[in-house]
Amino acid sequence: MSAIVKPTPGRPATYADLEAVPPHLVAEIIDGELVTHPRPLPRHTMATFALGGEIGSPFQKGQGGPGGWVFMNEPQLHLGANVLVPDLAGWRRERVAGALDNVGITVSPDWICEVLSPSTAKYDRTSKFRIYHEERVAHLWYIDPQYRTLEVFAWSAAHWTHIANFGDFEDVTAPPFAELTSNLGVLWPFDTPPPSPAST
């Protein structure tokens, strides 16, 4: 379960409060509140690792794709007064060059992926959803390993625009990585795909 901690009543949480959180917890400052939650479950981390591998080679290394991106697992984003830790984030290389010498990154990502878990889904879908829009993150993905789904959103001035939903073992082609088509099943390697029509 996530926990909200207000070190002193009436005082917004500070970075010093965040640094005091034990290392076995993930800590964020969301709308002035210190929010902590446990490290994710294996199903969550497997999906995160697999997605990073799928997009990393073509979009960061340029192997079979255009390159030009930089990706990070659990970066600490300093976006205004908020300190957020998405599961995955990506930047166009030219936007983030020179901004990587501090733990906290102040350049808003071009793409964020949140892998939902029971302890984080509430914040991912409400406060962080709003903050990412305010900070003009161009693309936002939600992956739910429990239900084997991917939701894709794109930024527009008024609100997030829902682009697509994918589920189970569907092939995925989605912005900002539309040059790549990948099967969603790579994110849940221990789940069994349905038999192909030829094998039934």
N, C-alpha and C. Protein backbone atom coordinates (compact mmCIF):
# COMPACT_ATOMS: atom_id res chain seq x y z
N MET A 1 0.84 -1.19 0.00
CA MET A 1 0.00 0.00 0.00
C MET A 1 0.88 1.25 0.00
N SER A 2 0.44 2.28 -0.77
CA SER A 2 1.14 3.56 -0.72
C SER A 2 0.84 4.26 0.59
N ALA A 3 1.76 5.10 0.99
CA ALA A 3 1.57 5.88 2.20
C ALA A 3 1.86 7.34 1.90
N ILE A 4 1.04 8.22 2.43
CA ILE A 4 1.27 9.65 2.32
C ILE A 4 1.80 10.13 3.67
N VAL A 5 2.93 10.79 3.66
CA VAL A 5 3.55 11.26 4.89
C VAL A 5 3.68 12.78 4.83
N LYS A 6 3.13 13.49 5.80
CA LYS A 6 3.35 14.92 5.94
C LYS A 6 4.22 15.13 7.16
N PRO A 7 5.53 15.37 6.96
CA PRO A 7 6.44 15.45 8.11
C PRO A 7 6.01 16.48 9.15
N THR A 8 5.50 17.63 8.71
CA THR A 8 5.01 18.65 9.62
C THR A 8 3.67 19.13 9.10
N PRO A 9 2.63 19.08 9.91
CA PRO A 9 1.31 19.51 9.43
C PRO A 9 1.35 20.92 8.85
N GLY A 10 0.76 21.05 7.67
CA GLY A 10 0.68 22.36 7.03
C GLY A 10 1.91 22.75 6.23
N ARG A 11 2.97 21.94 6.26
CA ARG A 11 4.18 22.27 5.51
C ARG A 11 4.34 21.33 4.33
N PRO A 12 4.53 21.86 3.13
CA PRO A 12 4.78 20.96 2.00
C PRO A 12 6.03 20.14 2.22
N ALA A 13 6.03 18.92 1.70
CA ALA A 13 7.20 18.06 1.81
C ALA A 13 8.37 18.68 1.05
N THR A 14 9.57 18.44 1.55
CA THR A 14 10.79 18.95 0.93
C THR A 14 11.64 17.80 0.42
N TYR A 15 12.67 18.17 -0.32
CA TYR A 15 13.58 17.13 -0.82
C TYR A 15 14.31 16.44 0.34
N ALA A 16 14.56 17.16 1.41
CA ALA A 16 15.18 16.54 2.58
C ALA A 16 14.27 15.46 3.17
N ASP A 17 12.97 15.69 3.15
CA ASP A 17 12.03 14.66 3.60
C ASP A 17 12.12 13.44 2.71
N LEU A 18 12.23 13.66 1.42
CA LEU A 18 12.32 12.55 0.47
C LEU A 18 13.60 11.75 0.70
N GLU A 19 14.71 12.45 0.91
CA GLU A 19 15.99 11.76 1.11
C GLU A 19 16.01 10.93 2.39
N ALA A 20 15.14 11.26 3.35
CA ALA A 20 15.10 10.53 4.62
C ALA A 20 14.31 9.23 4.53
N VAL A 21 13.66 8.99 3.40
CA VAL A 21 12.86 7.77 3.24
C VAL A 21 13.80 6.57 3.11
N PRO A 22 13.52 5.45 3.78
CA PRO A 22 14.38 4.26 3.66
C PRO A 22 14.52 3.80 2.21
N PRO A 23 15.68 3.26 1.86
CA PRO A 23 15.94 2.92 0.46
C PRO A 23 15.10 1.79 -0.10
N HIS A 24 14.42 1.01 0.76
CA HIS A 24 13.59 -0.07 0.23
C HIS A 24 12.25 0.45 -0.28
N LEU A 25 12.00 1.76 -0.16
CA LEU A 25 10.78 2.37 -0.64
C LEU A 25 11.08 3.33 -1.79
N VAL A 26 10.13 3.45 -2.70
CA VAL A 26 10.18 4.49 -3.72
C VAL A 26 9.45 5.70 -3.17
N ALA A 27 10.05 6.88 -3.27
CA ALA A 27 9.46 8.09 -2.70
C ALA A 27 9.29 9.16 -3.77
N GLU A 28 8.16 9.84 -3.72
CA GLU A 28 7.87 10.94 -4.63
C GLU A 28 7.25 12.09 -3.83
N ILE A 29 7.36 13.29 -4.36
CA ILE A 29 6.63 14.43 -3.82
C ILE A 29 5.59 14.82 -4.86
N ILE A 30 4.33 14.63 -4.50
CA ILE A 30 3.21 14.86 -5.42
C ILE A 30 2.29 15.90 -4.81
N ASP A 31 2.22 17.05 -5.43
CA ASP A 31 1.36 18.13 -4.94
C ASP A 31 1.66 18.46 -3.48
N GLY A 32 2.94 18.49 -3.14
CA GLY A 32 3.35 18.88 -1.81
C GLY A 32 3.34 17.79 -0.77
N GLU A 33 2.91 16.57 -1.13
CA GLU A 33 2.85 15.46 -0.19
C GLU A 33 3.92 14.43 -0.51
N LEU A 34 4.53 13.89 0.53
CA LEU A 34 5.50 12.83 0.37
C LEU A 34 4.76 11.50 0.28
N VAL A 35 4.88 10.86 -0.88
CA VAL A 35 4.18 9.60 -1.14
C VAL A 35 5.22 8.50 -1.28
N THR A 36 5.08 7.42 -0.53
CA THR A 36 6.01 6.30 -0.62
C THR A 36 5.25 5.03 -0.97
N HIS A 37 5.93 4.14 -1.65
CA HIS A 37 5.33 2.84 -1.94
C HIS A 37 6.44 1.81 -2.09
N PRO A 38 6.12 0.53 -1.90
CA PRO A 38 7.15 -0.51 -1.95
C PRO A 38 7.68 -0.72 -3.36
N ARG A 39 8.84 -1.34 -3.44
CA ARG A 39 9.39 -1.71 -4.73
C ARG A 39 8.41 -2.65 -5.44
N PRO A 40 8.36 -2.59 -6.78
CA PRO A 40 7.34 -3.36 -7.51
C PRO A 40 7.57 -4.86 -7.46
N LEU A 41 6.47 -5.58 -7.76
CA LEU A 41 6.51 -7.04 -7.81
C LEU A 41 7.22 -7.52 -9.07
N PRO A 42 7.65 -8.79 -9.09
CA PRO A 42 8.39 -9.30 -10.26
C PRO A 42 7.65 -9.14 -11.59
N ARG A 43 6.35 -9.39 -11.61
CA ARG A 43 5.60 -9.24 -12.87
C ARG A 43 5.73 -7.81 -13.41
N HIS A 44 5.74 -6.86 -12.51
CA HIS A 44 5.88 -5.44 -12.87
C HIS A 44 7.28 -5.18 -13.44
N THR A 45 8.31 -5.63 -12.75
CA THR A 45 9.67 -5.35 -13.20
C THR A 45 10.02 -6.10 -14.49
N MET A 46 9.45 -7.30 -14.68
CA MET A 46 9.69 -8.02 -15.94
C MET A 46 9.12 -7.25 -17.11
N ALA A 47 7.91 -6.69 -16.95
CA ALA A 47 7.30 -5.93 -18.03
C ALA A 47 8.12 -4.68 -18.34
N THR A 48 8.59 -4.00 -17.30
CA THR A 48 9.40 -2.80 -17.50
C THR A 48 10.69 -3.13 -18.23
N PHE A 49 11.37 -4.18 -17.78
CA PHE A 49 12.63 -4.57 -18.42
C PHE A 49 12.40 -4.96 -19.88
N ALA A 50 11.34 -5.73 -20.15
CA ALA A 50 11.08 -6.18 -21.52
C ALA A 50 10.77 -5.02 -22.44
N LEU A 51 9.98 -4.07 -21.97
CA LEU A 51 9.66 -2.92 -22.80
C LEU A 51 10.91 -2.10 -23.09
N GLY A 52 11.75 -1.90 -22.08
CA GLY A 52 12.99 -1.18 -22.32
C GLY A 52 13.85 -1.84 -23.38
N GLY A 53 13.88 -3.17 -23.36
CA GLY A 53 14.65 -3.89 -24.36
C GLY A 53 14.07 -3.74 -25.76
N GLU A 54 12.74 -3.75 -25.86
CA GLU A 54 12.09 -3.65 -27.15
C GLU A 54 12.38 -2.30 -27.82
N ILE A 55 12.30 -1.23 -27.06
CA ILE A 55 12.48 0.09 -27.67
C ILE A 55 13.93 0.57 -27.63
N GLY A 56 14.73 0.01 -26.72
CA GLY A 56 16.09 0.50 -26.55
C GLY A 56 16.96 0.29 -27.77
N SER A 57 16.92 -0.91 -28.34
CA SER A 57 17.79 -1.18 -29.50
C SER A 57 17.47 -0.30 -30.69
N PRO A 58 16.19 -0.24 -31.14
CA PRO A 58 15.94 0.58 -32.33
C PRO A 58 15.95 2.08 -32.09
N PHE A 59 15.55 2.52 -30.90
CA PHE A 59 15.35 3.96 -30.72
C PHE A 59 16.46 4.64 -29.92
N GLN A 60 17.25 3.89 -29.17
CA GLN A 60 18.41 4.50 -28.52
C GLN A 60 19.70 4.11 -29.24
N LYS A 61 19.85 2.82 -29.51
CA LYS A 61 21.07 2.36 -30.17
C LYS A 61 21.04 2.54 -31.69
N GLY A 62 19.85 2.68 -32.26
CA GLY A 62 19.74 2.79 -33.71
C GLY A 62 19.90 1.48 -34.43
N GLN A 63 19.66 0.36 -33.74
CA GLN A 63 19.77 -0.97 -34.35
C GLN A 63 18.40 -1.39 -34.87
N GLY A 64 18.22 -1.30 -36.18
CA GLY A 64 16.93 -1.62 -36.77
C GLY A 64 15.89 -0.53 -36.58
N GLY A 65 16.33 0.66 -36.23
CA GLY A 65 15.41 1.77 -36.01
C GLY A 65 16.13 3.09 -36.16
N PRO A 66 15.41 4.19 -35.90
CA PRO A 66 15.96 5.51 -36.20
C PRO A 66 16.94 6.06 -35.18
N GLY A 67 17.01 5.47 -33.97
CA GLY A 67 17.85 6.05 -32.93
C GLY A 67 17.31 7.40 -32.50
N GLY A 68 18.18 8.18 -31.84
CA GLY A 68 17.81 9.54 -31.49
C GLY A 68 17.15 9.73 -30.15
N TRP A 69 17.00 8.64 -29.36
CA TRP A 69 16.35 8.71 -28.06
C TRP A 69 17.32 8.30 -26.95
N VAL A 70 16.99 8.71 -25.72
CA VAL A 70 17.66 8.25 -24.51
C VAL A 70 16.57 7.80 -23.54
N PHE A 71 16.75 6.60 -22.95
CA PHE A 71 15.76 6.04 -22.03
C PHE A 71 16.38 5.82 -20.66
N MET A 72 15.54 5.91 -19.64
CA MET A 72 15.98 5.65 -18.26
C MET A 72 14.90 4.91 -17.50
N ASN A 73 15.36 3.97 -16.66
CA ASN A 73 14.48 3.32 -15.70
C ASN A 73 14.40 4.15 -14.43
N GLU A 74 13.20 4.41 -13.96
CA GLU A 74 12.95 5.10 -12.69
C GLU A 74 13.80 6.38 -12.54
N PRO A 75 13.78 7.28 -13.53
CA PRO A 75 14.48 8.55 -13.33
C PRO A 75 13.75 9.39 -12.28
N GLN A 76 14.49 10.24 -11.62
CA GLN A 76 13.88 11.17 -10.66
C GLN A 76 13.65 12.49 -11.39
N LEU A 77 12.39 12.80 -11.64
CA LEU A 77 12.03 13.99 -12.39
C LEU A 77 11.67 15.12 -11.43
N HIS A 78 12.32 16.25 -11.58
CA HIS A 78 12.01 17.44 -10.80
C HIS A 78 11.21 18.37 -11.70
N LEU A 79 9.90 18.27 -11.59
CA LEU A 79 8.99 19.02 -12.45
C LEU A 79 8.26 20.04 -11.60
N GLY A 80 8.74 21.27 -11.61
CA GLY A 80 8.21 22.27 -10.70
C GLY A 80 8.47 21.85 -9.27
N ALA A 81 7.43 21.88 -8.45
CA ALA A 81 7.56 21.47 -7.04
C ALA A 81 7.42 19.98 -6.86
N ASN A 82 7.13 19.25 -7.92
CA ASN A 82 6.92 17.81 -7.83
C ASN A 82 8.20 17.04 -8.12
N VAL A 83 8.38 15.95 -7.40
CA VAL A 83 9.48 15.02 -7.66
C VAL A 83 8.83 13.66 -7.95
N LEU A 84 8.90 13.24 -9.20
CA LEU A 84 8.19 12.05 -9.66
C LEU A 84 9.17 11.01 -10.18
N VAL A 85 8.79 9.75 -10.02
CA VAL A 85 9.64 8.63 -10.44
C VAL A 85 8.82 7.69 -11.31
N PRO A 86 8.74 7.95 -12.62
CA PRO A 86 8.03 7.00 -13.50
C PRO A 86 8.85 5.73 -13.69
N ASP A 87 8.18 4.69 -14.16
CA ASP A 87 8.89 3.43 -14.38
C ASP A 87 9.88 3.54 -15.53
N LEU A 88 9.47 4.16 -16.61
CA LEU A 88 10.35 4.38 -17.77
C LEU A 88 10.09 5.77 -18.31
N ALA A 89 11.14 6.40 -18.82
CA ALA A 89 10.98 7.69 -19.48
C ALA A 89 11.97 7.78 -20.62
N GLY A 90 11.59 8.54 -21.64
CA GLY A 90 12.46 8.73 -22.80
C GLY A 90 12.46 10.16 -23.26
N TRP A 91 13.61 10.59 -23.76
CA TRP A 91 13.79 11.94 -24.26
C TRP A 91 14.39 11.88 -25.66
N ARG A 92 13.99 12.80 -26.50
CA ARG A 92 14.76 13.02 -27.72
C ARG A 92 16.16 13.47 -27.30
N ARG A 93 17.14 12.86 -27.90
CA ARG A 93 18.52 13.05 -27.43
C ARG A 93 18.92 14.52 -27.36
N GLU A 94 18.51 15.30 -28.34
CA GLU A 94 18.95 16.70 -28.38
C GLU A 94 18.32 17.52 -27.25
N ARG A 95 17.18 17.09 -26.71
CA ARG A 95 16.53 17.86 -25.65
C ARG A 95 17.17 17.64 -24.29
N VAL A 96 17.72 16.46 -24.07
CA VAL A 96 18.22 16.15 -22.73
C VAL A 96 19.73 16.24 -22.64
N ALA A 97 20.40 16.45 -23.75
CA ALA A 97 21.86 16.56 -23.72
C ALA A 97 22.28 17.70 -22.79
N GLY A 98 23.22 17.42 -21.91
CA GLY A 98 23.70 18.42 -20.98
C GLY A 98 22.89 18.55 -19.71
N ALA A 99 21.83 17.74 -19.58
CA ALA A 99 20.97 17.84 -18.39
C ALA A 99 21.05 16.59 -17.52
N LEU A 100 22.14 15.85 -17.65
CA LEU A 100 22.24 14.55 -16.99
C LEU A 100 23.30 14.51 -15.91
N ASP A 101 23.74 15.64 -15.43
CA ASP A 101 24.81 15.66 -14.43
C ASP A 101 24.30 15.74 -13.00
N ASN A 102 22.98 15.76 -12.83
CA ASN A 102 22.38 15.77 -11.50
C ASN A 102 21.41 14.62 -11.36
N VAL A 103 21.17 14.18 -10.13
CA VAL A 103 20.21 13.11 -9.91
C VAL A 103 18.83 13.51 -10.41
N GLY A 104 18.41 14.71 -10.09
CA GLY A 104 17.10 15.18 -10.51
C GLY A 104 17.15 15.79 -11.90
N ILE A 105 16.27 15.32 -12.78
CA ILE A 105 16.22 15.79 -14.16
C ILE A 105 15.07 16.78 -14.29
N THR A 106 15.38 17.97 -14.76
CA THR A 106 14.37 19.02 -14.85
C THR A 106 13.77 19.16 -16.25
N VAL A 107 14.28 18.42 -17.22
CA VAL A 107 13.75 18.45 -18.57
C VAL A 107 12.60 17.44 -18.65
N SER A 108 11.42 17.93 -18.97
CA SER A 108 10.25 17.06 -19.06
C SER A 108 10.45 16.01 -20.15
N PRO A 109 10.16 14.73 -19.89
CA PRO A 109 10.36 13.70 -20.91
C PRO A 109 9.44 13.89 -22.12
N ASP A 110 9.85 13.30 -23.24
CA ASP A 110 9.00 13.23 -24.43
C ASP A 110 8.05 12.04 -24.36
N TRP A 111 8.38 11.07 -23.54
CA TRP A 111 7.55 9.87 -23.39
C TRP A 111 7.73 9.32 -21.98
N ILE A 112 6.63 8.92 -21.39
CA ILE A 112 6.66 8.27 -20.07
C ILE A 112 5.81 7.02 -20.13
N CYS A 113 6.28 5.98 -19.48
CA CYS A 113 5.49 4.76 -19.30
C CYS A 113 5.39 4.46 -17.81
N GLU A 114 4.17 4.35 -17.34
CA GLU A 114 3.91 3.90 -15.97
C GLU A 114 3.38 2.47 -16.04
N VAL A 115 4.03 1.58 -15.31
CA VAL A 115 3.58 0.19 -15.19
C VAL A 115 2.77 0.11 -13.91
N LEU A 116 1.49 -0.11 -14.05
CA LEU A 116 0.57 0.02 -12.93
C LEU A 116 0.70 -1.13 -11.95
N SER A 117 0.57 -0.81 -10.68
CA SER A 117 0.52 -1.81 -9.62
C SER A 117 -0.51 -1.33 -8.60
N PRO A 118 -0.99 -2.22 -7.73
CA PRO A 118 -2.00 -1.80 -6.75
C PRO A 118 -1.57 -0.63 -5.89
N SER A 119 -0.28 -0.50 -5.62
CA SER A 119 0.18 0.56 -4.72
C SER A 119 0.39 1.89 -5.42
N THR A 120 0.39 1.90 -6.77
CA THR A 120 0.70 3.14 -7.48
C THR A 120 -0.39 3.59 -8.44
N ALA A 121 -1.32 2.73 -8.80
CA ALA A 121 -2.26 3.04 -9.88
C ALA A 121 -3.07 4.29 -9.59
N LYS A 122 -3.48 4.49 -8.33
CA LYS A 122 -4.28 5.67 -7.98
C LYS A 122 -3.56 6.95 -8.36
N TYR A 123 -2.28 7.07 -8.01
CA TYR A 123 -1.52 8.28 -8.29
C TYR A 123 -1.17 8.38 -9.77
N ASP A 124 -0.84 7.24 -10.39
CA ASP A 124 -0.50 7.25 -11.80
C ASP A 124 -1.66 7.77 -12.63
N ARG A 125 -2.88 7.42 -12.25
CA ARG A 125 -4.05 7.75 -13.06
C ARG A 125 -4.71 9.08 -12.68
N THR A 126 -4.27 9.69 -11.59
CA THR A 126 -4.91 10.94 -11.16
C THR A 126 -3.88 12.07 -11.11
N SER A 127 -3.19 12.21 -9.99
CA SER A 127 -2.27 13.35 -9.82
C SER A 127 -1.16 13.36 -10.87
N LYS A 128 -0.51 12.24 -11.08
CA LYS A 128 0.60 12.22 -12.03
C LYS A 128 0.11 12.38 -13.46
N PHE A 129 -1.05 11.84 -13.76
CA PHE A 129 -1.68 12.01 -15.08
C PHE A 129 -1.84 13.50 -15.38
N ARG A 130 -2.32 14.25 -14.38
CA ARG A 130 -2.51 15.70 -14.54
C ARG A 130 -1.16 16.43 -14.64
N ILE A 131 -0.22 16.07 -13.76
CA ILE A 131 1.07 16.76 -13.76
C ILE A 131 1.81 16.53 -15.08
N TYR A 132 1.79 15.32 -15.58
CA TYR A 132 2.47 15.05 -16.85
C TYR A 132 1.86 15.89 -17.98
N HIS A 133 0.56 16.09 -17.94
CA HIS A 133 -0.05 16.94 -18.96
C HIS A 133 0.38 18.39 -18.77
N GLU A 134 0.37 18.87 -17.53
CA GLU A 134 0.80 20.24 -17.27
C GLU A 134 2.24 20.48 -17.73
N GLU A 135 3.07 19.46 -17.61
CA GLU A 135 4.48 19.57 -18.00
C GLU A 135 4.73 19.24 -19.46
N ARG A 136 3.65 19.04 -20.22
CA ARG A 136 3.71 18.84 -21.67
C ARG A 136 4.51 17.60 -22.08
N VAL A 137 4.39 16.54 -21.31
CA VAL A 137 4.94 15.26 -21.76
C VAL A 137 4.18 14.86 -23.02
N ALA A 138 4.88 14.58 -24.09
CA ALA A 138 4.21 14.40 -25.39
C ALA A 138 3.43 13.09 -25.48
N HIS A 139 3.94 12.04 -24.85
CA HIS A 139 3.30 10.72 -24.97
C HIS A 139 3.33 10.03 -23.62
N LEU A 140 2.23 9.37 -23.27
CA LEU A 140 2.11 8.66 -22.00
C LEU A 140 1.51 7.29 -22.25
N TRP A 141 2.18 6.28 -21.72
CA TRP A 141 1.69 4.90 -21.81
C TRP A 141 1.41 4.38 -20.40
N TYR A 142 0.35 3.58 -20.30
CA TYR A 142 0.06 2.83 -19.09
C TYR A 142 0.07 1.35 -19.43
N ILE A 143 0.87 0.59 -18.72
CA ILE A 143 0.88 -0.87 -18.86
C ILE A 143 0.36 -1.47 -17.58
N ASP A 144 -0.55 -2.42 -17.70
CA ASP A 144 -1.09 -3.14 -16.54
C ASP A 144 -0.76 -4.62 -16.68
N PRO A 145 0.28 -5.10 -15.99
CA PRO A 145 0.66 -6.51 -16.12
C PRO A 145 -0.41 -7.48 -15.63
N GLN A 146 -1.21 -7.07 -14.66
CA GLN A 146 -2.24 -7.97 -14.14
C GLN A 146 -3.29 -8.28 -15.21
N TYR A 147 -3.70 -7.25 -15.93
CA TYR A 147 -4.74 -7.42 -16.96
C TYR A 147 -4.17 -7.48 -18.36
N ARG A 148 -2.86 -7.38 -18.49
CA ARG A 148 -2.15 -7.51 -19.77
C ARG A 148 -2.67 -6.48 -20.78
N THR A 149 -2.61 -5.23 -20.40
CA THR A 149 -3.10 -4.17 -21.28
C THR A 149 -2.08 -3.05 -21.43
N LEU A 150 -2.21 -2.32 -22.53
CA LEU A 150 -1.44 -1.11 -22.79
C LEU A 150 -2.41 -0.04 -23.25
N GLU A 151 -2.33 1.13 -22.61
CA GLU A 151 -3.11 2.30 -23.01
C GLU A 151 -2.14 3.37 -23.49
N VAL A 152 -2.48 4.03 -24.59
CA VAL A 152 -1.60 5.00 -25.22
C VAL A 152 -2.31 6.35 -25.28
N PHE A 153 -1.62 7.40 -24.78
CA PHE A 153 -2.16 8.75 -24.79
C PHE A 153 -1.15 9.69 -25.46
N ALA A 154 -1.69 10.75 -26.07
CA ALA A 154 -0.86 11.80 -26.65
C ALA A 154 -1.32 13.15 -26.10
N TRP A 155 -0.35 14.05 -25.92
CA TRP A 155 -0.65 15.38 -25.38
C TRP A 155 -1.37 16.22 -26.40
N SER A 156 -2.38 16.95 -25.96
CA SER A 156 -2.97 18.03 -26.72
C SER A 156 -3.22 19.17 -25.75
N ALA A 157 -3.46 20.37 -26.25
CA ALA A 157 -3.50 21.54 -25.39
C ALA A 157 -4.58 21.45 -24.31
N ALA A 158 -5.72 20.90 -24.65
CA ALA A 158 -6.84 20.88 -23.70
C ALA A 158 -6.77 19.72 -22.72
N HIS A 159 -6.30 18.58 -23.19
CA HIS A 159 -6.34 17.37 -22.37
C HIS A 159 -5.53 16.28 -23.06
N TRP A 160 -5.38 15.15 -22.37
CA TRP A 160 -4.77 13.99 -23.01
C TRP A 160 -5.72 13.45 -24.07
N THR A 161 -5.19 13.04 -25.20
CA THR A 161 -5.96 12.38 -26.25
C THR A 161 -5.68 10.89 -26.19
N HIS A 162 -6.73 10.10 -26.01
CA HIS A 162 -6.57 8.65 -25.99
C HIS A 162 -6.35 8.16 -27.41
N ILE A 163 -5.25 7.45 -27.62
CA ILE A 163 -4.88 7.00 -28.96
C ILE A 163 -5.33 5.57 -29.22
N ALA A 164 -5.04 4.65 -28.29
CA ALA A 164 -5.33 3.24 -28.55
C ALA A 164 -5.24 2.44 -27.27
N ASN A 165 -5.90 1.29 -27.27
CA ASN A 165 -5.75 0.25 -26.25
C ASN A 165 -5.27 -1.03 -26.93
N PHE A 166 -4.39 -1.75 -26.26
CA PHE A 166 -3.95 -3.06 -26.73
C PHE A 166 -4.04 -4.02 -25.56
N GLY A 167 -4.20 -5.32 -25.87
CA GLY A 167 -4.32 -6.28 -24.80
C GLY A 167 -3.74 -7.64 -25.14
N ASP A 168 -3.43 -8.39 -24.09
CA ASP A 168 -2.99 -9.78 -24.19
C ASP A 168 -1.75 -9.93 -25.07
N PHE A 169 -1.93 -10.52 -26.26
CA PHE A 169 -0.79 -10.84 -27.13
C PHE A 169 -0.94 -10.15 -28.49
N GLU A 170 -1.56 -8.99 -28.47
CA GLU A 170 -1.73 -8.23 -29.71
C GLU A 170 -0.41 -7.65 -30.18
N ASP A 171 -0.32 -7.44 -31.50
CA ASP A 171 0.79 -6.68 -32.05
C ASP A 171 0.53 -5.19 -31.80
N VAL A 172 1.58 -4.50 -31.40
CA VAL A 172 1.47 -3.09 -31.03
C VAL A 172 2.28 -2.23 -31.99
N THR A 173 1.62 -1.23 -32.56
CA THR A 173 2.28 -0.16 -33.29
C THR A 173 1.69 1.13 -32.74
N ALA A 174 2.49 1.92 -32.04
CA ALA A 174 1.92 3.07 -31.34
C ALA A 174 2.95 4.20 -31.25
N PRO A 175 2.48 5.44 -31.30
CA PRO A 175 3.39 6.57 -31.13
C PRO A 175 3.90 6.65 -29.69
N PRO A 176 5.11 7.14 -29.49
CA PRO A 176 5.99 7.77 -30.49
C PRO A 176 6.93 6.80 -31.18
N PHE A 177 6.63 5.50 -31.10
CA PHE A 177 7.53 4.49 -31.65
C PHE A 177 6.84 3.73 -32.77
N ALA A 178 6.17 4.47 -33.66
CA ALA A 178 5.34 3.84 -34.68
C ALA A 178 6.17 3.09 -35.73
N GLU A 179 7.49 3.32 -35.76
CA GLU A 179 8.33 2.55 -36.70
C GLU A 179 8.49 1.11 -36.26
N LEU A 180 8.11 0.80 -35.02
CA LEU A 180 8.30 -0.53 -34.46
C LEU A 180 6.94 -1.21 -34.27
N THR A 181 6.84 -2.46 -34.70
CA THR A 181 5.69 -3.31 -34.37
C THR A 181 6.20 -4.44 -33.51
N SER A 182 5.63 -4.59 -32.32
CA SER A 182 6.09 -5.59 -31.36
C SER A 182 4.88 -6.27 -30.73
N ASN A 183 5.04 -7.54 -30.39
CA ASN A 183 3.95 -8.26 -29.76
C ASN A 183 3.92 -7.96 -28.27
N LEU A 184 2.75 -7.61 -27.77
CA LEU A 184 2.61 -7.23 -26.36
C LEU A 184 2.99 -8.39 -25.44
N GLY A 185 2.92 -9.61 -25.92
CA GLY A 185 3.22 -10.77 -25.10
C GLY A 185 4.64 -10.82 -24.57
N VAL A 186 5.57 -10.05 -25.17
CA VAL A 186 6.94 -10.06 -24.65
C VAL A 186 7.00 -9.48 -23.25
N LEU A 187 5.97 -8.72 -22.85
CA LEU A 187 5.97 -8.10 -21.52
C LEU A 187 5.51 -9.06 -20.43
N TRP A 188 4.89 -10.17 -20.80
CA TRP A 188 4.45 -11.17 -19.80
C TRP A 188 4.93 -12.55 -20.24
N PRO A 189 6.23 -12.81 -20.07
CA PRO A 189 6.84 -14.02 -20.63
C PRO A 189 6.35 -15.33 -20.02
N PHE A 190 5.75 -15.29 -18.83
CA PHE A 190 5.30 -16.52 -18.22
C PHE A 190 3.82 -16.80 -18.48
N ASP A 191 3.15 -15.93 -19.23
CA ASP A 191 1.77 -16.17 -19.61
C ASP A 191 1.75 -16.90 -20.95
N THR A 192 0.81 -17.79 -21.11
CA THR A 192 0.75 -18.62 -22.30
C THR A 192 -0.17 -17.98 -23.35
N PRO A 193 0.36 -17.72 -24.54
CA PRO A 193 -0.51 -17.15 -25.57
C PRO A 193 -1.53 -18.17 -26.05
N PRO A 194 -2.63 -17.71 -26.62
CA PRO A 194 -3.62 -18.66 -27.14
C PRO A 194 -3.05 -19.41 -28.33
N PRO A 195 -3.53 -20.63 -28.58
CA PRO A 195 -3.04 -21.39 -29.74
C PRO A 195 -3.40 -20.69 -31.05
N SER A 196 -2.50 -20.78 -32.02
CA SER A 196 -2.77 -20.19 -33.31
C SER A 196 -3.85 -21.00 -34.02
N PRO A 197 -4.61 -20.38 -34.93
CA PRO A 197 -5.67 -21.12 -35.63
C PRO A 197 -5.16 -22.37 -36.34
N ALA A 198 -3.91 -22.31 -36.85
CA ALA A 198 -3.37 -23.46 -37.59
C ALA A 198 -3.15 -24.66 -36.67
N SER A 199 -2.98 -24.42 -35.35
CA SER A 199 -2.68 -25.53 -34.45
C SER A 199 -3.92 -26.11 -33.79
N THR A 200 -5.10 -25.53 -34.08
CA THR A 200 -6.33 -26.04 -33.46
C THR A 200 -7.06 -26.98 -34.40
